[in-house]
Amino acid sequence: MIPASAAAQAGSGAATFKTQCQLCHGPDGTGDTPLGKQLQAANLHSKDIQKKTNAELHKVVHDGNGNMPPFADQLSDSEIDQVIKFVRTFGKTAKK
């Protein structure tokens, strides 16, 4: 069973993902959206993404990377951490 606080954080991370990340990365995190394809958005299920440390992912979201814009002005460190926890759930689903 997931502790209530962890479930709440994943839930708020999911909500933030939906409003801030889904346009490019898609609801399933694969990057299979028109804008995601155009910008070559990362597939968040990929081993390359999932093997990164939380600190590395935090830096990418905070500072931006390649075509991904920085979110430092839009998300707090806590919100970024919650999104990363949600992104980690993509690594637990079956790979296509």
Protein backbone atom coordinates (compact mmCIF):
# COMPACT_ATOMS: atom_id res chain seq x y z
CA MET A 1 0.00 0.00 0.00
CA ILE A 2 1.24 3.50 -0.85
CA PRO A 3 1.38 5.94 2.07
CA ALA A 4 -1.27 8.65 1.81
CA SER A 5 1.33 11.41 1.54
CA ALA A 6 3.06 9.64 -1.39
CA ALA A 7 -0.26 9.11 -3.15
CA ALA A 8 -1.17 12.76 -2.61
CA GLN A 9 2.18 13.89 -4.03
CA ALA A 10 1.77 11.63 -7.07
CA GLY A 11 -1.73 13.03 -7.53
CA SER A 12 -0.56 16.63 -7.44
CA GLY A 13 2.36 15.68 -9.69
CA ALA A 14 -0.15 14.19 -12.13
CA ALA A 15 -2.20 17.39 -12.04
CA THR A 16 0.88 19.52 -12.69
CA PHE A 17 1.98 17.14 -15.47
CA LYS A 18 -1.44 17.51 -17.09
CA THR A 19 -1.28 21.31 -17.10
CA GLN A 20 2.44 21.83 -17.81
CA CYS A 21 3.84 18.75 -19.60
CA GLN A 22 1.03 16.95 -21.41
CA LEU A 23 0.94 19.29 -24.42
CA CYS A 24 4.33 18.00 -25.56
CA HIS A 25 4.81 14.70 -23.74
CA GLY A 26 1.19 13.54 -24.11
CA PRO A 27 -1.09 12.09 -21.45
CA ASP A 28 0.86 8.83 -21.53
CA GLY A 29 4.33 10.44 -21.49
CA THR A 30 5.40 9.03 -24.87
CA GLY A 31 5.80 12.41 -26.59
CA ASP A 32 3.41 11.20 -29.31
CA THR A 33 1.60 14.51 -29.84
CA PRO A 34 1.80 16.90 -32.81
CA LEU A 35 3.85 19.41 -30.80
CA GLY A 36 5.83 16.64 -29.10
CA LYS A 37 6.81 15.19 -32.49
CA GLN A 38 7.75 18.62 -33.81
CA LEU A 39 9.93 19.36 -30.77
CA GLN A 40 11.19 15.77 -30.47
CA ALA A 41 9.87 15.55 -26.90
CA ALA A 42 11.42 12.77 -24.85
CA ASN A 43 9.53 9.53 -24.31
CA LEU A 44 9.31 9.50 -20.52
CA HIS A 45 9.01 5.69 -20.52
CA SER A 46 12.46 5.32 -22.11
CA LYS A 47 15.35 3.79 -20.23
CA ASP A 48 17.42 6.93 -21.00
CA ILE A 49 14.95 9.07 -19.05
CA GLN A 50 14.18 6.57 -16.30
CA LYS A 51 17.87 5.89 -15.54
CA LYS A 52 18.50 9.58 -14.80
CA THR A 53 18.65 10.53 -11.15
CA ASN A 54 15.93 12.68 -9.63
CA ALA A 55 18.49 15.50 -9.40
CA GLU A 56 19.26 15.21 -13.13
CA LEU A 57 15.57 15.27 -14.02
CA HIS A 58 14.99 18.21 -11.68
CA LYS A 59 17.73 20.16 -13.47
CA VAL A 60 16.19 19.44 -16.89
CA VAL A 61 12.73 20.58 -15.79
CA HIS A 62 14.09 23.58 -13.88
CA ASP A 63 16.64 24.80 -16.44
CA GLY A 64 15.32 23.33 -19.70
CA ASN A 65 17.26 21.15 -22.13
CA GLY A 66 17.39 21.31 -25.92
CA ASN A 67 13.87 22.02 -27.17
CA MET A 68 12.40 21.76 -23.67
CA PRO A 69 11.89 25.17 -22.08
CA PRO A 70 12.83 25.87 -18.46
CA PHE A 71 10.02 25.73 -15.93
CA ALA A 72 11.84 27.49 -13.07
CA ASP A 73 9.54 30.52 -13.38
CA GLN A 74 6.36 28.42 -13.49
CA LEU A 75 6.95 25.61 -10.99
CA SER A 76 8.35 25.55 -7.47
CA ASP A 77 11.07 23.04 -6.58
CA SER A 78 8.43 21.06 -4.69
CA GLU A 79 6.13 20.97 -7.74
CA ILE A 80 9.02 19.83 -9.94
CA ASP A 81 9.80 17.04 -7.45
CA GLN A 82 6.14 15.96 -7.50
CA VAL A 83 6.14 15.86 -11.31
CA ILE A 84 9.31 13.72 -11.22
CA LYS A 85 7.58 11.29 -8.84
CA PHE A 86 4.72 11.08 -11.33
CA VAL A 87 7.13 10.61 -14.27
CA ARG A 88 8.71 7.69 -12.38
CA THR A 89 5.35 5.89 -12.64
CA PHE A 90 5.89 5.70 -16.42
CA GLY A 91 8.95 3.55 -15.81
CA LYS A 92 6.83 1.02 -13.93
CA THR A 93 4.43 0.43 -16.84
CA ALA A 94 4.96 -2.11 -19.59
CA LYS A 95 7.28 -0.99 -22.37
CA LYS A 96 5.88 -0.94 -25.90
